[in-house]
Amino acid sequence: MIFLGLLMTRKYPGKPSPYLTVDYSRLGTISLDEFRQAILTDLHVLEDVHNVQFITAPLLRVQVTDEFGDPHSVRNLGDGKPIYRMHTRHFRPSCWGYEP
């Protein structure tokens, strides 16, 4: 289910918020594979149905649980310390921004 934020913001006074929230809470506890498929499906919907072509500074926030829905912390494999923010491992080649 997709919810469009309609709150007014300071940056855009008098205009609806430019932020979009995609709500996956109705799915309950799901595997990462199912979540991956849900995200890809919703990205296709945004692109094909809603004509969204660009986004700026997207942020993905997930509540990590075990298979029973109990909270589970994510830990660093090296030292075992809990981590709260992970930077993307996605690589964007510099040639994509090159214009001859």
PDB file of N, CA and C in Angstrom:
ATOM      1  N   MET A   1       0.849  -1.163   0.000  1.00  0.00           N
ATOM      2  CA  MET A   1       0.000   0.000   0.000  1.00  0.00           C
ATOM      3  C   MET A   1       0.900   1.233   0.000  1.00  0.00           C
ATOM      4  N   ILE A   2       0.554   2.208  -0.778  1.00  0.00           N
ATOM      5  CA  ILE A   2       1.342   3.422  -0.904  1.00  0.00           C
ATOM      6  C   ILE A   2       0.574   4.581  -0.291  1.00  0.00           C
ATOM      7  N   PHE A   3       1.212   5.311   0.602  1.00  0.00           N
ATOM      8  CA  PHE A   3       0.609   6.501   1.202  1.00  0.00           C
ATOM      9  C   PHE A   3       1.390   7.712   0.747  1.00  0.00           C
ATOM     10  N   LEU A   4       0.723   8.729   0.297  1.00  0.00           N
ATOM     11  CA  LEU A   4       1.371   9.969  -0.102  1.00  0.00           C
ATOM     12  C   LEU A   4       1.237  10.963   1.035  1.00  0.00           C
ATOM     13  N   GLY A   5       2.377  11.486   1.491  1.00  0.00           N
ATOM     14  CA  GLY A   5       2.338  12.460   2.575  1.00  0.00           C
ATOM     15  C   GLY A   5       1.727  13.767   2.106  1.00  0.00           C
ATOM     16  N   LEU A   6       0.707  14.257   2.771  1.00  0.00           N
ATOM     17  CA  LEU A   6       0.036  15.480   2.370  1.00  0.00           C
ATOM     18  C   LEU A   6       0.247  16.615   3.362  1.00  0.00           C
ATOM     19  N   LEU A   7       1.239  16.513   4.207  1.00  0.00           N
ATOM     20  CA  LEU A   7       1.505  17.570   5.182  1.00  0.00           C
ATOM     21  C   LEU A   7       2.238  18.724   4.510  1.00  0.00           C
ATOM     22  N   MET A   8       1.962  19.916   4.964  1.00  0.00           N
ATOM     23  CA  MET A   8       2.668  21.080   4.443  1.00  0.00           C
ATOM     24  C   MET A   8       4.055  21.131   5.090  1.00  0.00           C
ATOM     25  N   THR A   9       5.030  21.558   4.359  1.00  0.00           N
ATOM     26  CA  THR A   9       6.384  21.623   4.890  1.00  0.00           C
ATOM     27  C   THR A   9       6.892  23.052   4.842  1.00  0.00           C
ATOM     28  N   ARG A  10       7.930  23.340   5.633  1.00  0.00           N
ATOM     29  CA  ARG A  10       8.524  24.682   5.638  1.00  0.00           C
ATOM     30  C   ARG A  10       9.238  24.961   4.324  1.00  0.00           C
ATOM     31  N   LYS A  11       9.851  23.931   3.762  1.00  0.00           N
ATOM     32  CA  LYS A  11      10.596  24.117   2.529  1.00  0.00           C
ATOM     33  C   LYS A  11       9.669  24.410   1.351  1.00  0.00           C
ATOM     34  N   TYR A  12       8.478  23.847   1.392  1.00  0.00           N
ATOM     35  CA  TYR A  12       7.505  24.033   0.321  1.00  0.00           C
ATOM     36  C   TYR A  12       6.201  24.567   0.903  1.00  0.00           C
ATOM     37  N   PRO A  13       6.170  25.813   1.379  1.00  0.00           N
ATOM     38  CA  PRO A  13       4.951  26.328   2.010  1.00  0.00           C
ATOM     39  C   PRO A  13       3.786  26.382   1.018  1.00  0.00           C
ATOM     40  N   GLY A  14       2.623  25.934   1.481  1.00  0.00           N
ATOM     41  CA  GLY A  14       1.429  25.960   0.650  1.00  0.00           C
ATOM     42  C   GLY A  14       1.347  24.827  -0.351  1.00  0.00           C
ATOM     43  N   LYS A  15       2.342  23.945  -0.362  1.00  0.00           N
ATOM     44  CA  LYS A  15       2.344  22.807  -1.293  1.00  0.00           C
ATOM     45  C   LYS A  15       2.360  21.511  -0.491  1.00  0.00           C
ATOM     46  N   PRO A  16       1.812  20.437  -1.060  1.00  0.00           N
ATOM     47  CA  PRO A  16       1.885  19.145  -0.378  1.00  0.00           C
ATOM     48  C   PRO A  16       3.338  18.686  -0.239  1.00  0.00           C
ATOM     49  N   SER A  17       3.584  17.869   0.758  1.00  0.00           N
ATOM     50  CA  SER A  17       4.926  17.343   0.990  1.00  0.00           C
ATOM     51  C   SER A  17       5.390  16.534  -0.214  1.00  0.00           C
ATOM     52  N   PRO A  18       6.655  16.668  -0.599  1.00  0.00           N
ATOM     53  CA  PRO A  18       7.165  15.892  -1.727  1.00  0.00           C
ATOM     54  C   PRO A  18       7.573  14.471  -1.335  1.00  0.00           C
ATOM     55  N   TYR A  19       7.383  14.104  -0.076  1.00  0.00           N
ATOM     56  CA  TYR A  19       7.805  12.789   0.393  1.00  0.00           C
ATOM     57  C   TYR A  19       6.700  11.758   0.213  1.00  0.00           C
ATOM     58  N   LEU A  20       7.094  10.556  -0.129  1.00  0.00           N
ATOM     59  CA  LEU A  20       6.174   9.447  -0.329  1.00  0.00           C
ATOM     60  C   LEU A  20       6.563   8.330   0.621  1.00  0.00           C
ATOM     61  N   THR A  21       5.600   7.779   1.337  1.00  0.00           N
ATOM     62  CA  THR A  21       5.844   6.650   2.228  1.00  0.00           C
ATOM     63  C   THR A  21       5.208   5.408   1.630  1.00  0.00           C
ATOM     64  N   VAL A  22       5.989   4.361   1.475  1.00  0.00           N
ATOM     65  CA  VAL A  22       5.467   3.074   1.034  1.00  0.00           C
ATOM     66  C   VAL A  22       5.374   2.203   2.277  1.00  0.00           C
ATOM     67  N   ASP A  23       4.167   1.792   2.625  1.00  0.00           N
ATOM     68  CA  ASP A  23       3.908   1.087   3.881  1.00  0.00           C
ATOM     69  C   ASP A  23       3.860  -0.420   3.655  1.00  0.00           C
ATOM     70  N   TYR A  24       4.742  -1.150   4.329  1.00  0.00           N
ATOM     71  CA  TYR A  24       4.790  -2.609   4.223  1.00  0.00           C
ATOM     72  C   TYR A  24       4.311  -3.282   5.507  1.00  0.00           C
ATOM     73  N   SER A  25       3.752  -2.517   6.439  1.00  0.00           N
ATOM     74  CA  SER A  25       3.378  -3.082   7.737  1.00  0.00           C
ATOM     75  C   SER A  25       2.294  -4.150   7.626  1.00  0.00           C
ATOM     76  N   ARG A  26       1.453  -4.062   6.619  1.00  0.00           N
ATOM     77  CA  ARG A  26       0.397  -5.065   6.454  1.00  0.00           C
ATOM     78  C   ARG A  26       0.938  -6.450   6.105  1.00  0.00           C
ATOM     79  N   LEU A  27       2.168  -6.501   5.613  1.00  0.00           N
ATOM     80  CA  LEU A  27       2.765  -7.782   5.261  1.00  0.00           C
ATOM     81  C   LEU A  27       3.186  -8.580   6.487  1.00  0.00           C
ATOM     82  N   GLY A  28       3.321  -7.907   7.615  1.00  0.00           N
ATOM     83  CA  GLY A  28       3.742  -8.593   8.841  1.00  0.00           C
ATOM     84  C   GLY A  28       5.200  -8.996   8.767  1.00  0.00           C
ATOM     85  N   THR A  29       5.550 -10.094   9.416  1.00  0.00           N
ATOM     86  CA  THR A  29       6.920 -10.596   9.409  1.00  0.00           C
ATOM     87  C   THR A  29       7.144 -11.377   8.122  1.00  0.00           C
ATOM     88  N   ILE A  30       8.104 -10.919   7.314  1.00  0.00           N
ATOM     89  CA  ILE A  30       8.376 -11.553   6.028  1.00  0.00           C
ATOM     90  C   ILE A  30       9.870 -11.775   5.863  1.00  0.00           C
ATOM     91  N   SER A  31      10.235 -12.633   4.936  1.00  0.00           N
ATOM     92  CA  SER A  31      11.647 -12.899   4.667  1.00  0.00           C
ATOM     93  C   SER A  31      12.234 -11.758   3.840  1.00  0.00           C
ATOM     94  N   LEU A  32      13.555 -11.664   3.814  1.00  0.00           N
ATOM     95  CA  LEU A  32      14.211 -10.647   3.007  1.00  0.00           C
ATOM     96  C   LEU A  32      13.924 -10.848   1.524  1.00  0.00           C
ATOM     97  N   ASP A  33      13.810 -12.106   1.085  1.00  0.00           N
ATOM     98  CA  ASP A  33      13.488 -12.358  -0.317  1.00  0.00           C
ATOM     99  C   ASP A  33      12.121 -11.791  -0.695  1.00  0.00           C
ATOM    100  N   GLU A  34      11.130 -11.987   0.163  1.00  0.00           N
ATOM    101  CA  GLU A  34       9.805 -11.451  -0.102  1.00  0.00           C
ATOM    102  C   GLU A  34       9.810  -9.922  -0.046  1.00  0.00           C
ATOM    103  N   PHE A  35      10.560  -9.351   0.889  1.00  0.00           N
ATOM    104  CA  PHE A  35      10.662  -7.901   0.999  1.00  0.00           C
ATOM    105  C   PHE A  35      11.332  -7.319  -0.243  1.00  0.00           C
ATOM    106  N   ARG A  36      12.381  -7.982  -0.722  1.00  0.00           N
ATOM    107  CA  ARG A  36      13.067  -7.548  -1.940  1.00  0.00           C
ATOM    108  C   ARG A  36      12.091  -7.508  -3.114  1.00  0.00           C
ATOM    109  N   GLN A  37      11.272  -8.548  -3.242  1.00  0.00           N
ATOM    110  CA  GLN A  37      10.301  -8.604  -4.330  1.00  0.00           C
ATOM    111  C   GLN A  37       9.242  -7.513  -4.172  1.00  0.00           C
ATOM    112  N   ALA A  38       8.808  -7.240  -2.955  1.00  0.00           N
ATOM    113  CA  ALA A  38       7.814  -6.191  -2.711  1.00  0.00           C
ATOM    114  C   ALA A  38       8.374  -4.819  -3.091  1.00  0.00           C
ATOM    115  N   ILE A  39       9.634  -4.560  -2.738  1.00  0.00           N
ATOM    116  CA  ILE A  39      10.259  -3.283  -3.087  1.00  0.00           C
ATOM    117  C   ILE A  39      10.362  -3.141  -4.600  1.00  0.00           C
ATOM    118  N   LEU A  40      10.826  -4.183  -5.271  1.00  0.00           N
ATOM    119  CA  LEU A  40      10.955  -4.119  -6.733  1.00  0.00           C
ATOM    120  C   LEU A  40       9.603  -3.911  -7.404  1.00  0.00           C
ATOM    121  N   THR A  41       8.582  -4.583  -6.906  1.00  0.00           N
ATOM    122  CA  THR A  41       7.232  -4.406  -7.448  1.00  0.00           C
ATOM    123  C   THR A  41       6.766  -2.969  -7.291  1.00  0.00           C
ATOM    124  N   ASP A  42       6.961  -2.398  -6.094  1.00  0.00           N
ATOM    125  CA  ASP A  42       6.527  -1.030  -5.846  1.00  0.00           C
ATOM    126  C   ASP A  42       7.334  -0.012  -6.651  1.00  0.00           C
ATOM    127  N   LEU A  43       8.613  -0.280  -6.877  1.00  0.00           N
ATOM    128  CA  LEU A  43       9.414   0.608  -7.721  1.00  0.00           C
ATOM    129  C   LEU A  43       8.903   0.595  -9.158  1.00  0.00           C
ATOM    130  N   HIS A  44       8.512  -0.581  -9.640  1.00  0.00           N
ATOM    131  CA  HIS A  44       7.927  -0.666 -10.985  1.00  0.00           C
ATOM    132  C   HIS A  44       6.604   0.090 -11.057  1.00  0.00           C
ATOM    133  N   VAL A  45       5.796   0.000 -10.001  1.00  0.00           N
ATOM    134  CA  VAL A  45       4.527   0.730  -9.962  1.00  0.00           C
ATOM    135  C   VAL A  45       4.786   2.237  -9.973  1.00  0.00           C
ATOM    136  N   LEU A  46       5.738   2.693  -9.163  1.00  0.00           N
ATOM    137  CA  LEU A  46       6.059   4.122  -9.141  1.00  0.00           C
ATOM    138  C   LEU A  46       6.506   4.609 -10.517  1.00  0.00           C
ATOM    139  N   GLU A  47       7.297   3.798 -11.181  1.00  0.00           N
ATOM    140  CA  GLU A  47       7.824   4.188 -12.481  1.00  0.00           C
ATOM    141  C   GLU A  47       6.763   4.115 -13.579  1.00  0.00           C
ATOM    142  N   ASP A  48       6.030   3.006 -13.644  1.00  0.00           N
ATOM    143  CA  ASP A  48       5.096   2.772 -14.749  1.00  0.00           C
ATOM    144  C   ASP A  48       3.738   3.445 -14.557  1.00  0.00           C
ATOM    145  N   VAL A  49       3.204   3.405 -13.348  1.00  0.00           N
ATOM    146  CA  VAL A  49       1.858   3.923 -13.097  1.00  0.00           C
ATOM    147  C   VAL A  49       1.886   5.395 -12.706  1.00  0.00           C
ATOM    148  N   HIS A  50       2.815   5.765 -11.818  1.00  0.00           N
ATOM    149  CA  HIS A  50       2.843   7.125 -11.276  1.00  0.00           C
ATOM    150  C   HIS A  50       3.858   8.029 -11.962  1.00  0.00           C
ATOM    151  N   ASN A  51       4.579   7.486 -12.942  1.00  0.00           N
ATOM    152  CA  ASN A  51       5.527   8.252 -13.753  1.00  0.00           C
ATOM    153  C   ASN A  51       6.625   8.921 -12.922  1.00  0.00           C
ATOM    154  N   VAL A  52       7.085   8.260 -11.874  1.00  0.00           N
ATOM    155  CA  VAL A  52       8.207   8.765 -11.073  1.00  0.00           C
ATOM    156  C   VAL A  52       9.486   8.374 -11.797  1.00  0.00           C
ATOM    157  N   GLN A  53      10.337   9.362 -12.058  1.00  0.00           N
ATOM    158  CA  GLN A  53      11.559   9.085 -12.802  1.00  0.00           C
ATOM    159  C   GLN A  53      12.825   9.306 -11.980  1.00  0.00           C
ATOM    160  N   PHE A  54      12.777  10.184 -10.979  1.00  0.00           N
ATOM    161  CA  PHE A  54      13.953  10.480 -10.166  1.00  0.00           C
ATOM    162  C   PHE A  54      13.562  10.585  -8.705  1.00  0.00           C
ATOM    163  N   ILE A  55      14.500  10.248  -7.823  1.00  0.00           N
ATOM    164  CA  ILE A  55      14.324  10.445  -6.384  1.00  0.00           C
ATOM    165  C   ILE A  55      15.630  11.002  -5.823  1.00  0.00           C
ATOM    166  N   THR A  56      15.541  11.695  -4.704  1.00  0.00           N
ATOM    167  CA  THR A  56      16.721  12.270  -4.072  1.00  0.00           C
ATOM    168  C   THR A  56      16.837  11.765  -2.639  1.00  0.00           C
ATOM    169  N   ALA A  57      18.008  11.278  -2.291  1.00  0.00           N
ATOM    170  CA  ALA A  57      18.346  10.836  -0.935  1.00  0.00           C
ATOM    171  C   ALA A  57      17.323   9.872  -0.334  1.00  0.00           C
ATOM    172  N   PRO A  58      17.045   8.746  -0.995  1.00  0.00           N
ATOM    173  CA  PRO A  58      16.110   7.787  -0.410  1.00  0.00           C
ATOM    174  C   PRO A  58      16.685   7.154   0.851  1.00  0.00           C
ATOM    175  N   LEU A  59      15.808   6.779   1.761  1.00  0.00           N
ATOM    176  CA  LEU A  59      16.209   6.181   3.029  1.00  0.00           C
ATOM    177  C   LEU A  59      15.311   4.980   3.288  1.00  0.00           C
ATOM    178  N   LEU A  60      15.900   3.850   3.582  1.00  0.00           N
ATOM    179  CA  LEU A  60      15.161   2.629   3.880  1.00  0.00           C
ATOM    180  C   LEU A  60      15.344   2.311   5.353  1.00  0.00           C
ATOM    181  N   ARG A  61      14.262   2.245   6.097  1.00  0.00           N
ATOM    182  CA  ARG A  61      14.315   1.937   7.527  1.00  0.00           C
ATOM    183  C   ARG A  61      13.567   0.636   7.754  1.00  0.00           C
ATOM    184  N   VAL A  62      14.240  -0.357   8.288  1.00  0.00           N
ATOM    185  CA  VAL A  62      13.626  -1.668   8.515  1.00  0.00           C
ATOM    186  C   VAL A  62      13.686  -2.038   9.988  1.00  0.00           C
ATOM    187  N   GLN A  63      12.663  -2.727  10.442  1.00  0.00           N
ATOM    188  CA  GLN A  63      12.628  -3.249  11.807  1.00  0.00           C
ATOM    189  C   GLN A  63      13.043  -4.709  11.723  1.00  0.00           C
ATOM    190  N   VAL A  64      14.243  -5.021  12.201  1.00  0.00           N
ATOM    191  CA  VAL A  64      14.802  -6.364  12.095  1.00  0.00           C
ATOM    192  C   VAL A  64      14.239  -7.243  13.204  1.00  0.00           C
ATOM    193  N   THR A  65      13.722  -8.427  12.818  1.00  0.00           N
ATOM    194  CA  THR A  65      13.151  -9.376  13.773  1.00  0.00           C
ATOM    195  C   THR A  65      13.615 -10.787  13.428  1.00  0.00           C
ATOM    196  N   ASP A  66      13.315 -11.725  14.325  1.00  0.00           N
ATOM    197  CA  ASP A  66      13.511 -13.125  13.984  1.00  0.00           C
ATOM    198  C   ASP A  66      12.240 -13.638  13.304  1.00  0.00           C
ATOM    199  N   GLU A  67      12.170 -14.927  13.019  1.00  0.00           N
ATOM    200  CA  GLU A  67      11.014 -15.475  12.294  1.00  0.00           C
ATOM    201  C   GLU A  67       9.711 -15.406  13.083  1.00  0.00           C
ATOM    202  N   PHE A  68       9.797 -15.139  14.381  1.00  0.00           N
ATOM    203  CA  PHE A  68       8.597 -15.045  15.220  1.00  0.00           C
ATOM    204  C   PHE A  68       8.145 -13.601  15.434  1.00  0.00           C
ATOM    205  N   GLY A  69       8.897 -12.641  14.894  1.00  0.00           N
ATOM    206  CA  GLY A  69       8.549 -11.232  15.044  1.00  0.00           C
ATOM    207  C   GLY A  69       9.175 -10.559  16.245  1.00  0.00           C
ATOM    208  N   ASP A  70      10.050 -11.269  16.964  1.00  0.00           N
ATOM    209  CA  ASP A  70      10.734 -10.682  18.115  1.00  0.00           C
ATOM    210  C   ASP A  70      11.907  -9.817  17.641  1.00  0.00           C
ATOM    211  N   PRO A  71      12.123  -8.656  18.261  1.00  0.00           N
ATOM    212  CA  PRO A  71      13.206  -7.759  17.831  1.00  0.00           C
ATOM    213  C   PRO A  71      14.569  -8.447  17.861  1.00  0.00           C
ATOM    214  N   HIS A  72      15.386  -8.107  16.895  1.00  0.00           N
ATOM    215  CA  HIS A  72      16.718  -8.698  16.750  1.00  0.00           C
ATOM    216  C   HIS A  72      17.677  -7.585  16.344  1.00  0.00           C
ATOM    217  N   SER A  73      18.820  -7.480  17.017  1.00  0.00           N
ATOM    218  CA  SER A  73      19.778  -6.422  16.668  1.00  0.00           C
ATOM    219  C   SER A  73      20.724  -6.919  15.581  1.00  0.00           C
ATOM    220  N   VAL A  74      21.177  -5.992  14.763  1.00  0.00           N
ATOM    221  CA  VAL A  74      22.136  -6.289  13.703  1.00  0.00           C
ATOM    222  C   VAL A  74      23.515  -5.970  14.250  1.00  0.00           C
ATOM    223  N   ARG A  75      24.432  -6.903  14.093  1.00  0.00           N
ATOM    224  CA  ARG A  75      25.762  -6.741  14.666  1.00  0.00           C
ATOM    225  C   ARG A  75      26.838  -6.822  13.596  1.00  0.00           C
ATOM    226  N   ASN A  76      27.941  -6.121  13.843  1.00  0.00           N
ATOM    227  CA  ASN A  76      29.092  -6.137  12.963  1.00  0.00           C
ATOM    228  C   ASN A  76      29.737  -7.517  13.041  1.00  0.00           C
ATOM    229  N   LEU A  77      30.077  -8.092  11.895  1.00  0.00           N
ATOM    230  CA  LEU A  77      30.684  -9.420  11.889  1.00  0.00           C
ATOM    231  C   LEU A  77      32.089  -9.418  12.492  1.00  0.00           C
ATOM    232  N   GLY A  78      32.799  -8.306  12.382  1.00  0.00           N
ATOM    233  CA  GLY A  78      34.169  -8.233  12.875  1.00  0.00           C
ATOM    234  C   GLY A  78      34.274  -8.202  14.383  1.00  0.00           C
ATOM    235  N   ASP A  79      33.611  -7.227  15.020  1.00  0.00           N
ATOM    236  CA  ASP A  79      33.774  -7.051  16.461  1.00  0.00           C
ATOM    237  C   ASP A  79      32.508  -7.336  17.269  1.00  0.00           C
ATOM    238  N   GLY A  80      31.401  -7.623  16.618  1.00  0.00           N
ATOM    239  CA  GLY A  80      30.172  -7.971  17.318  1.00  0.00           C
ATOM    240  C   GLY A  80      29.395  -6.802  17.885  1.00  0.00           C
ATOM    241  N   LYS A  81      29.843  -5.573  17.609  1.00  0.00           N
ATOM    242  CA  LYS A  81      29.124  -4.394  18.104  1.00  0.00           C
ATOM    243  C   LYS A  81      27.854  -4.179  17.279  1.00  0.00           C
ATOM    244  N   PRO A  82      26.781  -3.704  17.928  1.00  0.00           N
ATOM    245  CA  PRO A  82      25.556  -3.444  17.171  1.00  0.00           C
ATOM    246  C   PRO A  82      25.732  -2.279  16.190  1.00  0.00           C
ATOM    247  N   ILE A  83      25.085  -2.393  15.043  1.00  0.00           N
ATOM    248  CA  ILE A  83      25.116  -1.308  14.063  1.00  0.00           C
ATOM    249  C   ILE A  83      23.696  -0.773  13.888  1.00  0.00           C
ATOM    250  N   TYR A  84      23.589   0.518  13.654  1.00  0.00           N
ATOM    251  CA  TYR A  84      22.289   1.170  13.526  1.00  0.00           C
ATOM    252  C   TYR A  84      22.110   1.843  12.173  1.00  0.00           C
ATOM    253  N   ARG A  85      23.197   2.055  11.443  1.00  0.00           N
ATOM    254  CA  ARG A  85      23.132   2.667  10.119  1.00  0.00           C
ATOM    255  C   ARG A  85      24.099   1.924   9.204  1.00  0.00           C
ATOM    256  N   MET A  86      23.597   1.596   8.026  1.00  0.00           N
ATOM    257  CA  MET A  86      24.428   0.926   7.031  1.00  0.00           C
ATOM    258  C   MET A  86      24.389   1.769   5.767  1.00  0.00           C
ATOM    259  N   HIS A  87      25.541   2.119   5.259  1.00  0.00           N
ATOM    260  CA  HIS A  87      25.606   2.872   4.019  1.00  0.00           C
ATOM    261  C   HIS A  87      25.503   1.892   2.858  1.00  0.00           C
ATOM    262  N   THR A  88      24.897   2.326   1.778  1.00  0.00           N
ATOM    263  CA  THR A  88      24.662   1.442   0.651  1.00  0.00           C
ATOM    264  C   THR A  88      25.965   0.892   0.076  1.00  0.00           C
ATOM    265  N   ARG A  89      25.900  -0.297  -0.432  1.00  0.00           N
ATOM    266  CA  ARG A  89      27.038  -0.913  -1.121  1.00  0.00           C
ATOM    267  C   ARG A  89      26.874  -0.776  -2.637  1.00  0.00           C
ATOM    268  N   HIS A  90      25.820  -0.073  -3.040  1.00  0.00           N
ATOM    269  CA  HIS A  90      25.559   0.117  -4.461  1.00  0.00           C
ATOM    270  C   HIS A  90      26.657   0.953  -5.087  1.00  0.00           C
ATOM    271  N   PHE A  91      27.138   0.526  -6.223  1.00  0.00           N
ATOM    272  CA  PHE A  91      28.199   1.229  -6.930  1.00  0.00           C
ATOM    273  C   PHE A  91      27.608   1.900  -8.157  1.00  0.00           C
ATOM    274  N   ARG A  92      27.800   3.197  -8.258  1.00  0.00           N
ATOM    275  CA  ARG A  92      27.342   3.936  -9.427  1.00  0.00           C
ATOM    276  C   ARG A  92      28.568   4.389 -10.204  1.00  0.00           C
ATOM    277  N   PRO A  93      28.780   3.824 -11.384  1.00  0.00           N
ATOM    278  CA  PRO A  93      29.967   4.190 -12.164  1.00  0.00           C
ATOM    279  C   PRO A  93      30.009   5.686 -12.473  1.00  0.00           C
ATOM    280  N   SER A  94      31.189   6.269 -12.375  1.00  0.00           N
ATOM    281  CA  SER A  94      31.331   7.705 -12.626  1.00  0.00           C
ATOM    282  C   SER A  94      31.026   8.061 -14.075  1.00  0.00           C
ATOM    283  N   CYS A  95      31.137   7.106 -14.985  1.00  0.00           N
ATOM    284  CA  CYS A  95      30.881   7.396 -16.394  1.00  0.00           C
ATOM    285  C   CYS A  95      29.402   7.692 -16.650  1.00  0.00           C
ATOM    286  N   TRP A  96      28.504   7.290 -15.730  1.00  0.00           N
ATOM    287  CA  TRP A  96      27.090   7.591 -15.920  1.00  0.00           C
ATOM    288  C   TRP A  96      26.821   9.086 -15.857  1.00  0.00           C
ATOM    289  N   GLY A  97      27.622   9.808 -15.119  1.00  0.00           N
ATOM    290  CA  GLY A  97      27.456  11.249 -14.997  1.00  0.00           C
ATOM    291  C   GLY A  97      28.268  12.032 -16.038  1.00  0.00           C
ATOM    292  N   TYR A  98      28.971  11.330 -16.895  1.00  0.00           N
ATOM    293  CA  TYR A  98      29.825  11.990 -17.886  1.00  0.00           C
ATOM    294  C   TYR A  98      29.003  12.423 -19.092  1.00  0.00           C
ATOM    295  N   GLU A  99      29.159  13.692 -19.450  1.00  0.00           N
ATOM    296  CA  GLU A  99      28.514  14.197 -20.664  1.00  0.00           C
ATOM    297  C   GLU A  99      29.594  14.766 -21.567  1.00  0.00           C
ATOM    298  N   PRO A 100      29.776  14.195 -22.760  1.00  0.00           N
ATOM    299  CA  PRO A 100      30.834  14.674 -23.658  1.00  0.00           C
ATOM    300  C   PRO A 100      30.548  16.059 -24.196  1.00  0.00           C
TER     301      PRO A 100
END
